[in-house]
Amino acid sequence: MFKIKFALEPFLALLLLSVVTDLSRLAFGGDFGKVFVSGAEVIKIGGKVHSENLFVVNRELSPDGFERSTVLAGLSSQNGTFPGPLITGTKGDRFQINVTDLLTDSTMARSTSIHWHGLFQKTTNYADGVSFVSQCPIVANHSFMYDFQVPDQAGTFWYHSHLSVQYCDGLRGPIVIYDPLDPHRFLYDVDDESTVITIADWYHDTSYELIAKRAGLTPDATLINGKGRYVGGPNIPLEVINVEYGKRYRFRVISMSCGVDHGFSIDGHDLTIIEVDGVNTQPLTVNHIQLYAAQRYSVVLHANQKPDVYRIRALATSGVGAQNFTNGVNSGILRYKNAAGNSDRGPTSSQQSHMVSLNENDLRPLECPGAPGKPYPGGADLVLNLTMGFGVAPGASAPSFFMNNVSYVSPKVPVLLQILSGAQSAQDLLPAGSVYTLPRNKVIEINLLGGSAIGGPHPFHLHGHAFDVVKTSSSSDYNFVDPVRRDVTLVNQNGQTTIRFLTDNPGPWFLHCHIDPHLEAGLAVVLAEDTRDTKSNDPVPAGWDTLCPIYDSLTPDQLP
């Protein structure tokens, strides 16, 4: 009976969604303003406009007890938080987010841009927020309005700076897009701001100091919802997430890591995965997830254990991770209502005696499974082989990463501006050797070959799309029938990961390693999709046109 419930209820929900969508299109003549009638209830789906001001500021902050200057997002010019303010909306909504740069600390970047990670930005490539790919940066004491719609996506996303390694200094925050017709709705009781869990690595050095050291990333602390401890530091309060016995919670777990991955678990509790990177999945129950930079998972936790205090674990793979959970590092607290004692005491729970870890290869999409193209390797309209490498290029003084023997270096003119100015072929687009042009409405297969790229596994993210991982990093087999669909997947050194997607979104899109110092060192390419039609498909606002002249007018002492 339980298995039938899992199979039948999503089907009925999807059937209802289809009927409602068809009726709403007849009634309203489009996809927005849909209504769902259930008894006396009328739920409007989408169509709301969210107008927000987001201020980027410098602030002294001590989330782990060590005070340092940071780059943060806030809802006022006097405030900035870590993580940044939670942005929420409903499938079909429009967002108008005015970002104002008020940065003054010259030890870190003072310009900025914001990427809305995982949102496809169809017809609004200019709002994708990637410095020197889709825009010039916003400079200090200036603003830019990001205006975009989310017509057909729901799930767990986030936002972060996409200028150099700036988000390592703190500019990162969560986004949740709700779906009133979520096919998994029967699986959970609680899904609100209290069930968003952000995991982040934290450094006492600034991002530029980290790069100058040219060493591996060794975080000083792991922060859960902006709280954590460092080795030898003060016993500041850990994050406490409260639950009530018998209820089922949809926890939206977001890796906001600058680079380090974390082993996530909650003592004594199973985690049933229902969404990955904004894509609904068939329910899969585990009790441990290795969470890599920029990945997101919605997991259902049934609060059915003895009312007590349990440890939330997010073990970093380097730096503070070497101390395991001593004195509460890499930890948070799950506290039941009416648990004995108080949440300030350390949890007495222990790690799972039997670890059931997620294998990416076991994930299956809930809706429309199956990779585009023909069911065999190479069965796509266009196949790209991208081989990674690492070394010192001739004439260079420091090692870099490479993609097909080319290290990505940001161009002085954004790729989108180049395209709008008339450049259309890969040979005409800069940076030379790092831009690949793709035809429209074709199936693309990309073989990501790890080669000699050290420091992996490398979490690769593609902007503007979710993709089917037809060959994961953990398997030698291909799956064209129901492969996992997501927007961040792993590539191992000397290994191969293969993805497929359809070019249905004109514009230049970044494909890069989400370990931010690796991106800064060249591990990226730009996929310029349908350059011929980009100008008509992605009109830019007047404010966008002013970004480059203002940025180009900066004097050397105003940089970084």
Protein backbone atom coordinates (compact mmCIF):
# COMPACT_ATOMS: atom_id res chain seq x y z
CA MET A 1 0.00 0.00 0.00
CA PHE A 2 2.82 2.39 0.88
CA LYS A 3 4.54 1.87 -2.49
CA ILE A 4 1.26 2.33 -4.33
CA LYS A 5 0.77 5.65 -2.55
CA PHE A 6 4.17 6.86 -3.74
CA ALA A 7 3.40 5.89 -7.33
CA LEU A 8 -0.25 6.93 -7.53
CA GLU A 9 -0.39 10.27 -5.75
CA PRO A 10 2.30 12.01 -7.84
CA PHE A 11 0.47 10.75 -10.94
CA LEU A 12 -2.84 12.21 -9.75
CA ALA A 13 -1.16 15.49 -8.83
CA LEU A 14 0.43 15.76 -12.26
CA LEU A 15 -2.87 14.89 -13.94
CA LEU A 16 -4.63 17.58 -11.91
CA LEU A 17 -1.89 20.07 -12.77
CA SER A 18 -2.37 19.34 -16.47
CA VAL A 19 -6.16 19.83 -16.25
CA VAL A 20 -5.82 23.04 -14.22
CA THR A 21 -3.23 24.42 -16.62
CA ASP A 22 -5.42 23.76 -19.65
CA LEU A 23 -8.48 25.32 -18.00
CA SER A 24 -6.52 28.38 -16.88
CA ARG A 25 -5.13 28.96 -20.33
CA LEU A 26 -8.67 28.95 -21.70
CA ALA A 27 -9.84 31.32 -18.98
CA PHE A 28 -6.90 33.70 -18.87
CA GLY A 29 -5.24 33.31 -22.25
CA GLY A 30 -1.78 32.47 -20.87
CA ASP A 31 0.30 30.81 -18.20
CA PHE A 32 -0.08 33.47 -15.52
CA GLY A 33 -2.98 34.08 -13.16
CA LYS A 34 -3.85 30.38 -13.03
CA VAL A 35 -6.44 29.32 -10.45
CA PHE A 36 -6.98 26.00 -8.73
CA VAL A 37 -10.42 25.45 -7.18
CA SER A 38 -10.66 22.97 -4.30
CA GLY A 39 -13.93 23.09 -2.37
CA ALA A 40 -14.29 26.64 -1.12
CA GLU A 41 -10.62 27.46 -1.67
CA VAL A 42 -9.28 29.36 -4.63
CA ILE A 43 -5.48 29.40 -4.95
CA LYS A 44 -3.95 31.81 -7.42
CA ILE A 45 -0.82 30.39 -9.00
CA GLY A 46 1.88 32.84 -9.97
CA GLY A 47 1.72 36.28 -11.48
CA LYS A 48 2.83 38.30 -8.44
CA VAL A 49 5.50 40.96 -8.87
CA HIS A 50 8.16 41.05 -6.13
CA SER A 51 9.86 44.43 -5.94
CA GLU A 52 12.80 44.41 -3.54
CA ASN A 53 15.87 46.47 -2.74
CA LEU A 54 19.03 44.51 -2.00
CA PHE A 55 22.02 46.41 -0.65
CA VAL A 56 25.57 45.06 -0.89
CA VAL A 57 27.59 46.34 2.04
CA ASN A 58 30.79 45.81 4.02
CA ARG A 59 30.27 44.85 7.63
CA GLU A 60 32.37 43.52 10.48
CA LEU A 61 30.90 40.11 11.31
CA SER A 62 31.79 37.23 13.64
CA PRO A 63 29.50 34.30 12.77
CA ASP A 64 31.92 31.85 14.42
CA GLY A 65 33.26 34.23 17.08
CA PHE A 66 36.13 35.60 14.96
CA GLU A 67 35.50 39.11 13.70
CA ARG A 68 36.42 40.06 10.14
CA SER A 69 35.31 42.43 7.40
CA THR A 70 32.82 40.85 5.01
CA VAL A 71 30.76 41.50 1.88
CA LEU A 72 27.08 40.95 2.62
CA ALA A 73 23.59 41.45 1.24
CA GLY A 74 20.91 43.23 3.26
CA LEU A 75 17.47 44.74 2.96
CA SER A 76 18.69 48.16 4.07
CA SER A 77 21.80 50.24 3.58
CA GLN A 78 22.54 49.90 7.30
CA ASN A 79 22.49 46.14 7.46
CA GLY A 80 23.90 43.01 5.91
CA THR A 81 23.46 39.43 7.02
CA PHE A 82 24.99 36.03 6.53
CA PRO A 83 23.40 34.27 4.86
CA GLY A 84 21.71 37.04 2.92
CA PRO A 85 17.94 37.64 3.19
CA LEU A 86 15.73 34.74 2.09
CA ILE A 87 13.99 35.51 -1.21
CA THR A 88 10.72 33.64 -1.79
CA GLY A 89 8.09 33.53 -4.49
CA THR A 90 5.68 31.28 -6.31
CA LYS A 91 6.03 29.55 -9.64
CA GLY A 92 5.02 32.09 -12.28
CA ASP A 93 6.10 35.18 -10.32
CA ARG A 94 8.15 38.14 -11.52
CA PHE A 95 11.09 39.55 -9.57
CA GLN A 96 12.36 43.11 -9.74
CA ILE A 97 15.37 43.25 -7.45
CA ASN A 98 17.28 46.52 -7.35
CA VAL A 99 20.85 45.83 -6.24
CA THR A 100 22.77 48.79 -4.81
CA ASP A 101 26.53 48.57 -4.28
CA LEU A 102 27.71 50.39 -1.14
CA LEU A 103 31.08 48.66 -0.78
CA THR A 104 34.03 50.63 0.61
CA ASP A 105 36.62 48.08 1.87
CA SER A 106 39.59 48.22 -0.51
CA THR A 107 40.98 44.88 0.71
CA MET A 108 38.18 43.15 -1.21
CA ALA A 109 36.34 43.72 -4.48
CA ARG A 110 34.24 46.89 -4.38
CA SER A 111 32.24 46.20 -7.53
CA THR A 112 29.72 43.36 -7.63
CA SER A 113 27.13 41.38 -9.59
CA ILE A 114 24.46 38.92 -8.46
CA HIS A 115 23.74 35.53 -10.04
CA TRP A 116 20.37 33.89 -9.32
CA HIS A 117 21.66 30.35 -9.26
CA GLY A 118 19.51 27.73 -10.98
CA LEU A 119 16.95 30.13 -12.48
CA PHE A 120 16.95 29.78 -16.26
CA GLN A 121 16.52 33.47 -17.16
CA LYS A 122 14.72 32.72 -20.43
CA THR A 123 14.59 35.96 -22.48
CA THR A 124 16.52 37.73 -19.68
CA ASN A 125 20.08 36.53 -20.17
CA TYR A 126 21.24 40.03 -19.19
CA ALA A 127 19.91 39.32 -15.64
CA ASP A 128 21.96 36.14 -15.17
CA GLY A 129 24.44 38.24 -13.21
CA VAL A 130 27.80 36.90 -14.41
CA SER A 131 30.44 39.61 -14.58
CA PHE A 132 31.94 39.87 -18.09
CA VAL A 133 29.67 37.15 -19.48
CA SER A 134 26.19 38.70 -19.21
CA GLN A 135 27.02 42.13 -17.75
CA CYS A 136 29.66 44.53 -16.54
CA PRO A 137 29.86 44.72 -12.75
CA ILE A 138 27.89 47.20 -10.67
CA VAL A 139 30.36 49.70 -9.23
CA ALA A 140 30.29 51.30 -5.78
CA ASN A 141 27.52 53.85 -5.22
CA HIS A 142 25.54 52.62 -8.21
CA SER A 143 22.54 50.33 -8.68
CA PHE A 144 21.15 47.89 -11.21
CA MET A 145 17.65 46.42 -11.47
CA TYR A 146 17.48 42.66 -12.10
CA ASP A 147 14.06 42.12 -13.65
CA PHE A 148 13.13 38.52 -14.51
CA GLN A 149 10.29 36.01 -14.41
CA VAL A 150 10.17 32.43 -13.17
CA PRO A 151 7.37 31.01 -15.35
CA ASP A 152 7.97 27.28 -15.08
CA GLN A 153 10.36 26.56 -12.22
CA ALA A 154 9.87 25.77 -8.55
CA GLY A 155 12.24 24.46 -5.93
CA THR A 156 15.36 25.40 -4.03
CA PHE A 157 17.81 27.95 -5.42
CA TRP A 158 20.22 30.59 -4.13
CA TYR A 159 21.96 33.82 -5.10
CA HIS A 160 25.58 34.85 -4.87
CA SER A 161 28.13 37.25 -6.25
CA HIS A 162 29.56 36.28 -9.62
CA LEU A 163 32.55 38.61 -9.65
CA SER A 164 35.92 36.94 -9.10
CA VAL A 165 35.84 35.13 -5.72
CA GLN A 166 33.69 37.72 -3.96
CA TYR A 167 31.04 35.34 -2.69
CA CYS A 168 33.70 33.66 -0.52
CA ASP A 169 33.62 36.90 1.51
CA GLY A 170 29.96 36.39 2.35
CA LEU A 171 27.69 37.54 -0.48
CA ARG A 172 25.37 34.53 -0.66
CA GLY A 173 21.70 33.88 0.22
CA PRO A 174 18.80 31.42 -0.31
CA ILE A 175 15.91 31.51 -2.80
CA VAL A 176 12.79 29.33 -2.57
CA ILE A 177 10.17 29.20 -5.33
CA TYR A 178 7.03 27.44 -4.08
CA ASP A 179 4.64 25.38 -6.19
CA PRO A 180 1.01 25.28 -4.92
CA LEU A 181 0.56 22.10 -6.99
CA ASP A 182 3.73 20.40 -5.77
CA PRO A 183 3.31 16.69 -6.62
CA HIS A 184 5.20 15.83 -3.42
CA ARG A 185 2.90 17.90 -1.21
CA PHE A 186 1.38 14.84 0.51
CA LEU A 187 4.81 13.82 1.84
CA TYR A 188 5.38 16.72 4.28
CA ASP A 189 3.55 18.95 6.75
CA VAL A 190 5.93 21.89 7.20
CA ASP A 191 7.75 23.86 4.47
CA ASP A 192 8.54 27.47 5.33
CA GLU A 193 11.43 29.79 6.19
CA SER A 194 12.21 27.69 9.28
CA THR A 195 13.02 24.65 7.13
CA VAL A 196 15.69 26.28 4.94
CA ILE A 197 19.15 25.01 5.92
CA THR A 198 22.23 26.68 4.45
CA ILE A 199 25.67 25.07 4.71
CA ALA A 200 28.74 27.24 4.11
CA ASP A 201 32.48 27.12 4.53
CA TRP A 202 33.88 30.19 6.33
CA TYR A 203 37.34 31.74 6.26
CA HIS A 204 39.11 34.19 8.53
CA ASP A 205 41.17 35.37 5.54
CA THR A 206 39.61 37.48 2.81
CA SER A 207 39.12 35.89 -0.58
CA TYR A 208 42.12 37.72 -2.06
CA GLU A 209 44.30 36.56 0.84
CA LEU A 210 43.18 32.99 0.16
CA ILE A 211 44.14 33.26 -3.50
CA ALA A 212 47.48 34.87 -2.67
CA LYS A 213 48.39 31.88 -0.49
CA ARG A 214 47.91 29.57 -3.52
CA ALA A 215 47.07 26.68 -1.21
CA GLY A 216 44.14 24.34 -0.94
CA LEU A 217 40.99 25.64 0.70
CA THR A 218 41.11 25.10 4.46
CA PRO A 219 38.00 26.66 6.02
CA ASP A 220 38.20 27.86 9.60
CA ALA A 221 34.56 27.01 10.30
CA THR A 222 31.45 25.40 8.91
CA LEU A 223 28.38 27.61 9.23
CA ILE A 224 24.86 26.20 9.43
CA ASN A 225 22.37 29.01 8.82
CA GLY A 226 25.20 31.44 9.53
CA LYS A 227 26.32 29.96 12.85
CA GLY A 228 29.33 27.82 13.69
CA ARG A 229 32.51 27.47 15.72
CA TYR A 230 36.19 27.38 14.91
CA VAL A 231 38.86 25.32 16.64
CA GLY A 232 39.98 27.09 19.80
CA GLY A 233 37.29 29.73 19.43
CA PRO A 234 34.48 30.73 21.79
CA ASN A 235 31.50 28.46 22.39
CA ILE A 236 29.01 30.70 20.64
CA PRO A 237 25.46 29.29 20.25
CA LEU A 238 24.99 26.83 17.42
CA GLU A 239 22.05 26.90 15.02
CA VAL A 240 18.94 25.29 16.54
CA ILE A 241 16.18 23.91 14.32
CA ASN A 242 12.99 23.12 16.23
CA VAL A 243 10.64 20.28 15.34
CA GLU A 244 7.51 18.76 16.84
CA TYR A 245 7.02 15.03 17.31
CA GLY A 246 4.95 13.39 14.59
CA LYS A 247 5.32 16.12 11.97
CA ARG A 248 7.10 15.77 8.65
CA TYR A 249 9.46 18.56 7.60
CA ARG A 250 10.66 19.51 4.13
CA PHE A 251 14.19 20.72 4.77
CA ARG A 252 15.68 22.64 1.86
CA VAL A 253 19.43 22.06 2.21
CA ILE A 254 21.61 24.47 0.23
CA SER A 255 25.37 24.26 -0.18
CA MET A 256 26.61 27.85 -0.28
CA SER A 257 30.17 26.63 -0.16
CA CYS A 258 32.98 28.62 -1.67
CA GLY A 259 34.56 25.30 -2.49
CA VAL A 260 34.65 22.65 0.25
CA ASP A 261 32.09 19.82 0.32
CA HIS A 262 30.30 18.68 3.46
CA GLY A 263 28.91 15.39 4.70
CA PHE A 264 25.36 16.21 5.82
CA SER A 265 23.29 14.09 8.20
CA ILE A 266 20.98 14.38 11.21
CA ASP A 267 21.54 11.83 13.95
CA GLY A 268 18.84 9.19 14.30
CA HIS A 269 16.80 10.33 11.30
CA ASP A 270 16.35 9.29 7.70
CA LEU A 271 16.30 11.86 4.90
CA THR A 272 13.97 11.25 1.95
CA ILE A 273 15.15 13.22 -1.07
CA ILE A 274 12.32 14.69 -3.18
CA GLU A 275 14.06 17.51 -5.09
CA VAL A 276 17.55 18.06 -6.47
CA ASP A 277 18.72 21.45 -7.77
CA GLY A 278 15.16 22.61 -8.47
CA VAL A 279 14.04 19.34 -10.11
CA ASN A 280 11.49 17.01 -8.50
CA THR A 281 12.82 13.49 -8.01
CA GLN A 282 11.33 10.14 -7.20
CA PRO A 283 11.56 9.78 -3.39
CA LEU A 284 14.85 8.22 -2.31
CA THR A 285 15.65 7.59 1.35
CA VAL A 286 19.20 7.89 2.70
CA ASN A 287 20.71 9.16 5.95
CA HIS A 288 23.85 10.85 4.63
CA ILE A 289 24.41 13.24 1.71
CA GLN A 290 27.79 14.45 0.49
CA LEU A 291 26.91 18.02 -0.37
CA TYR A 292 29.12 19.75 -2.98
CA ALA A 293 29.41 23.46 -3.73
CA ALA A 294 26.16 24.92 -5.15
CA GLN A 295 24.12 21.69 -4.88
CA ARG A 296 20.67 21.71 -3.26
CA TYR A 297 18.44 18.97 -1.91
CA SER A 298 14.93 18.97 -0.49
CA VAL A 299 14.70 16.17 2.07
CA VAL A 300 11.74 15.06 4.14
CA LEU A 301 12.49 14.33 7.79
CA HIS A 302 9.83 12.57 9.85
CA ALA A 303 10.17 13.73 13.46
CA ASN A 304 9.32 10.32 14.86
CA GLN A 305 12.19 9.78 17.30
CA LYS A 306 12.30 10.25 21.07
CA PRO A 307 11.82 13.97 21.82
CA ASP A 308 15.40 15.01 22.51
CA VAL A 309 18.28 17.05 21.14
CA TYR A 310 20.08 15.61 18.08
CA ARG A 311 23.21 16.71 16.26
CA ILE A 312 22.99 18.13 12.74
CA ARG A 313 26.28 17.26 11.05
CA ALA A 314 27.98 19.04 8.16
CA LEU A 315 31.53 17.71 8.17
CA ALA A 316 33.91 19.73 5.98
CA THR A 317 36.38 17.74 3.90
CA SER A 318 39.31 19.95 4.83
CA GLY A 319 40.35 22.58 7.36
CA VAL A 320 37.99 22.50 10.32
CA GLY A 321 36.81 19.10 9.13
CA ALA A 322 39.98 17.53 10.53
CA GLN A 323 38.57 18.16 14.02
CA ASN A 324 35.42 16.18 13.29
CA PHE A 325 32.78 17.48 15.73
CA THR A 326 34.96 18.39 18.70
CA ASN A 327 33.35 21.12 20.78
CA GLY A 328 30.52 21.48 18.28
CA VAL A 329 32.48 22.34 15.12
CA ASN A 330 30.76 21.28 11.88
CA SER A 331 27.51 21.05 13.83
CA GLY A 332 24.04 22.36 14.51
CA ILE A 333 21.18 21.16 16.69
CA LEU A 334 17.81 19.55 15.92
CA ARG A 335 15.62 20.06 18.97
CA TYR A 336 12.24 18.46 19.59
CA LYS A 337 9.51 20.42 21.30
CA ASN A 338 9.40 19.48 25.00
CA ALA A 339 12.84 17.89 24.82
CA ALA A 340 14.54 17.55 28.18
CA GLY A 341 17.04 20.29 29.03
CA ASN A 342 17.66 23.25 26.77
CA SER A 343 19.15 23.76 23.33
CA ASP A 344 22.36 25.28 24.68
CA ARG A 345 23.62 21.95 25.90
CA GLY A 346 25.42 19.78 23.41
CA PRO A 347 23.45 16.98 21.77
CA THR A 348 24.05 13.54 23.26
CA SER A 349 23.19 11.67 20.05
CA SER A 350 25.76 9.70 18.10
CA GLN A 351 26.33 9.21 14.37
CA GLN A 352 24.29 6.65 12.47
CA SER A 353 25.59 3.15 13.11
CA HIS A 354 24.63 2.18 9.57
CA MET A 355 25.42 4.90 7.03
CA VAL A 356 23.28 4.97 3.89
CA SER A 357 24.96 7.55 1.67
CA LEU A 358 23.50 9.08 -1.45
CA ASN A 359 24.82 7.78 -4.76
CA GLU A 360 23.98 10.35 -7.43
CA ASN A 361 23.44 7.51 -9.88
CA ASP A 362 20.39 6.36 -7.87
CA LEU A 363 18.45 9.61 -8.33
CA ARG A 364 15.58 9.66 -10.83
CA PRO A 365 13.51 12.65 -12.02
CA LEU A 366 9.82 12.50 -11.13
CA GLU A 367 8.52 14.23 -14.24
CA CYS A 368 9.37 13.68 -17.91
CA PRO A 369 12.28 11.28 -17.36
CA GLY A 370 14.64 10.50 -20.18
CA ALA A 371 17.54 12.28 -21.81
CA PRO A 372 17.01 14.04 -25.14
CA GLY A 373 18.60 12.50 -28.20
CA LYS A 374 19.26 8.88 -29.13
CA PRO A 375 19.92 6.27 -26.41
CA TYR A 376 23.61 5.70 -26.96
CA PRO A 377 26.87 7.64 -26.44
CA GLY A 378 27.23 10.24 -29.16
CA GLY A 379 23.52 10.10 -30.02
CA ALA A 380 23.12 13.88 -30.01
CA ASP A 381 23.09 16.61 -32.64
CA LEU A 382 26.39 18.00 -31.35
CA VAL A 383 28.99 16.39 -29.11
CA LEU A 384 31.60 18.45 -27.25
CA ASN A 385 34.60 16.96 -25.48
CA LEU A 386 35.95 19.30 -22.80
CA THR A 387 39.17 18.05 -21.22
CA MET A 388 40.43 19.66 -18.04
CA GLY A 389 44.01 20.21 -17.05
CA PHE A 390 46.26 21.95 -14.57
CA GLY A 391 49.73 23.40 -14.92
CA VAL A 392 51.88 26.42 -15.61
CA ALA A 393 51.36 27.89 -19.07
CA PRO A 394 54.40 29.12 -21.03
CA GLY A 395 55.38 32.55 -19.77
CA ALA A 396 53.11 32.34 -16.73
CA SER A 397 54.36 32.55 -13.14
CA ALA A 398 51.55 30.61 -11.48
CA PRO A 399 49.65 27.40 -12.34
CA SER A 400 46.20 27.57 -13.89
CA PHE A 401 43.35 25.27 -14.79
CA PHE A 402 42.53 24.58 -18.44
CA MET A 403 39.59 23.48 -20.57
CA ASN A 404 40.85 22.03 -23.86
CA ASN A 405 44.24 23.61 -23.15
CA VAL A 406 42.78 27.11 -22.68
CA SER A 407 42.56 28.84 -19.32
CA TYR A 408 39.48 31.05 -19.00
CA VAL A 409 40.26 34.73 -18.44
CA SER A 410 37.38 37.21 -18.22
CA PRO A 411 37.14 39.44 -21.30
CA LYS A 412 37.04 43.22 -20.95
CA VAL A 413 33.75 43.33 -22.89
CA PRO A 414 30.95 41.00 -21.69
CA VAL A 415 30.19 38.16 -24.09
CA LEU A 416 26.55 39.24 -24.30
CA LEU A 417 27.58 42.74 -25.33
CA GLN A 418 29.90 41.29 -27.99
CA ILE A 419 26.99 39.28 -29.41
CA LEU A 420 24.61 42.25 -29.35
CA SER A 421 27.30 44.25 -31.15
CA GLY A 422 27.35 41.77 -34.03
CA ALA A 423 29.86 39.03 -33.18
CA GLN A 424 28.31 35.60 -33.75
CA SER A 425 30.97 32.98 -34.39
CA ALA A 426 33.25 31.41 -31.80
CA GLN A 427 36.26 32.78 -33.70
CA ASP A 428 35.00 36.33 -33.21
CA LEU A 429 34.06 36.03 -29.53
CA LEU A 430 36.37 36.65 -26.60
CA PRO A 431 38.00 35.22 -24.59
CA ALA A 432 39.60 33.37 -27.49
CA GLY A 433 39.30 29.60 -27.22
CA SER A 434 36.88 29.72 -24.27
CA VAL A 435 33.62 30.44 -26.14
CA TYR A 436 31.72 27.66 -27.92
CA THR A 437 28.76 28.54 -30.14
CA LEU A 438 25.75 26.19 -30.13
CA PRO A 439 22.87 26.01 -32.64
CA ARG A 440 19.28 26.47 -31.49
CA ASN A 441 16.91 23.58 -30.61
CA LYS A 442 19.56 20.92 -30.85
CA VAL A 443 20.51 18.14 -28.45
CA ILE A 444 23.95 18.81 -27.00
CA GLU A 445 26.09 16.14 -25.38
CA ILE A 446 29.11 17.27 -23.39
CA ASN A 447 31.79 14.87 -22.18
CA LEU A 448 33.47 16.52 -19.21
CA LEU A 449 36.84 14.82 -18.96
CA GLY A 450 38.65 15.34 -15.65
CA GLY A 451 42.12 14.89 -17.11
CA SER A 452 44.88 16.26 -14.87
CA ALA A 453 42.64 18.74 -13.02
CA ILE A 454 43.70 18.31 -9.41
CA GLY A 455 41.64 19.29 -6.38
CA GLY A 456 38.47 17.44 -7.34
CA PRO A 457 35.87 16.26 -7.49
CA HIS A 458 34.90 19.40 -9.37
CA PRO A 459 31.21 20.43 -9.08
CA PHE A 460 30.32 21.74 -12.55
CA HIS A 461 27.40 24.12 -13.01
CA LEU A 462 25.70 25.12 -16.26
CA HIS A 463 23.78 28.41 -16.32
CA GLY A 464 20.47 28.70 -18.16
CA HIS A 465 19.63 24.98 -18.03
CA ALA A 466 19.16 21.85 -16.04
CA PHE A 467 20.84 18.88 -17.72
CA ASP A 468 20.52 15.11 -17.74
CA VAL A 469 23.58 13.38 -16.31
CA VAL A 470 23.65 10.36 -18.62
CA LYS A 471 26.97 9.24 -17.15
CA THR A 472 27.73 10.22 -13.57
CA SER A 473 31.19 10.47 -12.07
CA SER A 474 30.46 7.43 -9.90
CA SER A 475 29.47 5.01 -12.66
CA SER A 476 30.97 3.57 -15.83
CA ASP A 477 27.49 2.93 -17.23
CA TYR A 478 25.27 5.25 -19.25
CA ASN A 479 21.61 5.89 -18.46
CA PHE A 480 19.47 7.46 -21.18
CA VAL A 481 16.12 6.22 -19.82
CA ASP A 482 15.79 8.09 -16.52
CA PRO A 483 19.07 9.81 -15.59
CA VAL A 484 19.25 12.35 -12.78
CA ARG A 485 18.43 15.89 -13.92
CA ARG A 486 20.09 18.80 -12.13
CA ASP A 487 22.35 21.84 -12.65
CA VAL A 488 25.48 20.89 -10.65
CA THR A 489 27.28 17.56 -11.08
CA LEU A 490 30.73 16.18 -10.32
CA VAL A 491 33.76 15.62 -12.51
CA ASN A 492 36.64 13.53 -11.15
CA GLN A 493 40.30 13.83 -12.08
CA ASN A 494 40.98 11.31 -14.88
CA GLY A 495 37.26 10.55 -14.97
CA GLN A 496 34.37 11.29 -17.33
CA THR A 497 30.95 12.80 -16.70
CA THR A 498 28.50 13.16 -19.60
CA ILE A 499 25.55 15.54 -19.70
CA ARG A 500 22.84 16.32 -22.23
CA PHE A 501 20.49 19.25 -22.72
CA LEU A 502 18.44 21.00 -25.40
CA THR A 503 19.47 24.43 -26.67
CA ASP A 504 16.11 26.14 -26.11
CA ASN A 505 17.44 29.24 -24.32
CA PRO A 506 19.40 31.72 -26.50
CA GLY A 507 22.25 33.64 -24.93
CA PRO A 508 25.76 33.12 -23.56
CA TRP A 509 25.77 30.74 -20.58
CA PHE A 510 28.64 29.98 -18.22
CA LEU A 511 29.77 26.38 -17.66
CA HIS A 512 32.26 26.26 -14.79
CA CYS A 513 33.62 24.60 -11.69
CA HIS A 514 31.82 25.95 -8.62
CA ILE A 515 34.90 25.76 -6.44
CA ASP A 516 35.32 29.50 -6.75
CA PRO A 517 39.15 29.69 -6.69
CA HIS A 518 39.20 27.03 -9.45
CA LEU A 519 36.92 29.22 -11.56
CA GLU A 520 39.17 32.20 -10.86
CA ALA A 521 42.13 30.08 -12.01
CA GLY A 522 40.52 29.33 -15.37
CA LEU A 523 38.23 26.28 -15.03
CA ALA A 524 35.34 27.53 -17.19
CA VAL A 525 33.98 28.05 -20.69
CA VAL A 526 31.10 30.04 -22.18
CA LEU A 527 28.42 28.30 -24.26
CA ALA A 528 27.02 30.93 -26.63
CA GLU A 529 23.64 29.53 -27.56
CA ASP A 530 21.94 30.67 -30.78
CA THR A 531 23.98 33.85 -31.21
CA ARG A 532 21.98 34.83 -34.30
CA ASP A 533 18.72 35.21 -32.36
CA THR A 534 20.09 36.38 -29.01
CA LYS A 535 19.47 40.06 -29.76
CA SER A 536 15.77 39.52 -30.49
CA ASN A 537 15.24 36.92 -27.75
CA ASP A 538 17.09 38.73 -24.96
CA PRO A 539 16.36 42.47 -25.12
CA VAL A 540 18.35 44.47 -22.57
CA PRO A 541 17.05 47.41 -20.50
CA ALA A 542 18.55 50.88 -20.65
CA GLY A 543 20.16 50.45 -17.23
CA TRP A 544 22.18 47.51 -18.53
CA ASP A 545 23.71 49.70 -21.25
CA THR A 546 25.17 52.05 -18.65
CA LEU A 547 26.99 49.37 -16.63
CA CYS A 548 30.05 49.05 -18.88
CA PRO A 549 30.74 52.78 -19.42
CA ILE A 550 30.57 53.35 -15.66
CA TYR A 551 32.78 50.36 -14.87
CA ASP A 552 35.28 51.28 -17.59
CA SER A 553 35.62 54.76 -16.09
CA LEU A 554 37.05 53.40 -12.81
CA THR A 555 40.60 54.43 -11.99
CA PRO A 556 43.19 51.80 -11.02
CA ASP A 557 42.94 52.75 -7.34
CA GLN A 558 39.20 52.00 -7.45
CA LEU A 559 39.97 48.40 -8.35
CA PRO A 560 39.52 45.74 -7.15
